[in-house]
Amino acid sequence: MCVLRQLMLDIYYRYKDTQSIPQYEAQNFMKMYEAYKARGGNSFMDEVYAHVTTWELEI
């Protein structure tokens, strides 16, 4: 869980200034978020997830 959270935060902080994320990174983030929640992850990442899902996708 800690590793998943850290990987998601790495992605979040890498793209938060531009709020634009490559499609492959967004897909990775979503899959990690699903795994995190399936393992009982707390609501901390819910807010981060909500931000990332509003970002523009770079295709």
C-alpha atoms as a PDB file:
ATOM      1  CA  MET A   1       0.000   0.000   0.000  1.00  0.00           C
ATOM      2  CA  CYS A   2       2.790   2.400   0.832  1.00  0.00           C
ATOM      3  CA  VAL A   3       4.505   1.716  -2.480  1.00  0.00           C
ATOM      4  CA  LEU A   4       1.289   2.250  -4.435  1.00  0.00           C
ATOM      5  CA  ARG A   5       0.606   5.502  -2.604  1.00  0.00           C
ATOM      6  CA  GLN A   6       4.138   6.740  -3.257  1.00  0.00           C
ATOM      7  CA  LEU A   7       4.012   5.850  -6.954  1.00  0.00           C
ATOM      8  CA  MET A   8       0.688   7.670  -7.346  1.00  0.00           C
ATOM      9  CA  LEU A   9       2.022  10.710  -5.506  1.00  0.00           C
ATOM     10  CA  ASP A  10       5.114  10.719  -7.734  1.00  0.00           C
ATOM     11  CA  ILE A  11       2.850  10.914 -10.785  1.00  0.00           C
ATOM     12  CA  TYR A  12       0.667  13.566  -9.159  1.00  0.00           C
ATOM     13  CA  TYR A  13       3.564  15.861  -8.270  1.00  0.00           C
ATOM     14  CA  ARG A  14       5.245  15.352 -11.655  1.00  0.00           C
ATOM     15  CA  TYR A  15       2.244  16.767 -13.547  1.00  0.00           C
ATOM     16  CA  LYS A  16       0.338  18.929 -11.051  1.00  0.00           C
ATOM     17  CA  ASP A  17       1.802  22.232 -12.239  1.00  0.00           C
ATOM     18  CA  THR A  18       0.658  21.739 -15.830  1.00  0.00           C
ATOM     19  CA  GLN A  19      -2.437  19.685 -14.974  1.00  0.00           C
ATOM     20  CA  SER A  20      -1.806  17.790 -18.184  1.00  0.00           C
ATOM     21  CA  ILE A  21      -0.823  14.124 -18.092  1.00  0.00           C
ATOM     22  CA  PRO A  22       0.213  11.626 -20.767  1.00  0.00           C
ATOM     23  CA  GLN A  23      -2.454   9.012 -21.410  1.00  0.00           C
ATOM     24  CA  TYR A  24      -0.207   6.099 -20.388  1.00  0.00           C
ATOM     25  CA  GLU A  25       0.583   7.788 -17.062  1.00  0.00           C
ATOM     26  CA  ALA A  26      -3.099   8.445 -16.428  1.00  0.00           C
ATOM     27  CA  GLN A  27      -3.879   4.787 -17.120  1.00  0.00           C
ATOM     28  CA  ASN A  28      -1.108   3.666 -14.781  1.00  0.00           C
ATOM     29  CA  PHE A  29      -2.385   6.026 -12.104  1.00  0.00           C
ATOM     30  CA  MET A  30      -5.962   4.713 -12.428  1.00  0.00           C
ATOM     31  CA  LYS A  31      -4.857   1.082 -12.196  1.00  0.00           C
ATOM     32  CA  MET A  32      -2.731   1.821  -9.139  1.00  0.00           C
ATOM     33  CA  TYR A  33      -5.628   3.695  -7.544  1.00  0.00           C
ATOM     34  CA  GLU A  34      -7.972   0.735  -8.113  1.00  0.00           C
ATOM     35  CA  ALA A  35      -5.415  -1.628  -6.554  1.00  0.00           C
ATOM     36  CA  TYR A  36      -4.884   0.765  -3.637  1.00  0.00           C
ATOM     37  CA  LYS A  37      -8.619   0.982  -2.912  1.00  0.00           C
ATOM     38  CA  ALA A  38      -9.085  -2.792  -3.335  1.00  0.00           C
ATOM     39  CA  ARG A  39      -6.492  -3.310  -0.621  1.00  0.00           C
ATOM     40  CA  GLY A  40      -8.372  -1.030   1.763  1.00  0.00           C
ATOM     41  CA  GLY A  41      -6.614   2.242   0.968  1.00  0.00           C
ATOM     42  CA  ASN A  42      -7.883   5.208   2.927  1.00  0.00           C
ATOM     43  CA  SER A  43      -9.484   8.398   1.656  1.00  0.00           C
ATOM     44  CA  PHE A  44      -6.203  10.350   1.410  1.00  0.00           C
ATOM     45  CA  MET A  45      -5.742   9.287  -2.204  1.00  0.00           C
ATOM     46  CA  ASP A  46      -9.391   9.979  -3.073  1.00  0.00           C
ATOM     47  CA  GLU A  47      -8.682  13.712  -3.159  1.00  0.00           C
ATOM     48  CA  VAL A  48      -5.537  13.236  -5.238  1.00  0.00           C
ATOM     49  CA  TYR A  49      -7.479  10.959  -7.604  1.00  0.00           C
ATOM     50  CA  ALA A  50     -10.227  13.581  -7.938  1.00  0.00           C
ATOM     51  CA  HIS A  51      -7.642  16.152  -9.060  1.00  0.00           C
ATOM     52  CA  VAL A  52      -5.893  13.862 -11.530  1.00  0.00           C
ATOM     53  CA  THR A  53      -9.160  12.868 -13.214  1.00  0.00           C
ATOM     54  CA  THR A  54      -9.789  16.518 -14.125  1.00  0.00           C
ATOM     55  CA  TRP A  55      -6.472  16.979 -15.898  1.00  0.00           C
ATOM     56  CA  GLU A  56      -6.103  17.193 -19.665  1.00  0.00           C
ATOM     57  CA  LEU A  57      -4.887  13.999 -21.323  1.00  0.00           C
ATOM     58  CA  GLU A  58      -1.903  14.177 -23.661  1.00  0.00           C
ATOM     59  CA  ILE A  59      -2.473  11.654 -26.421  1.00  0.00           C
END
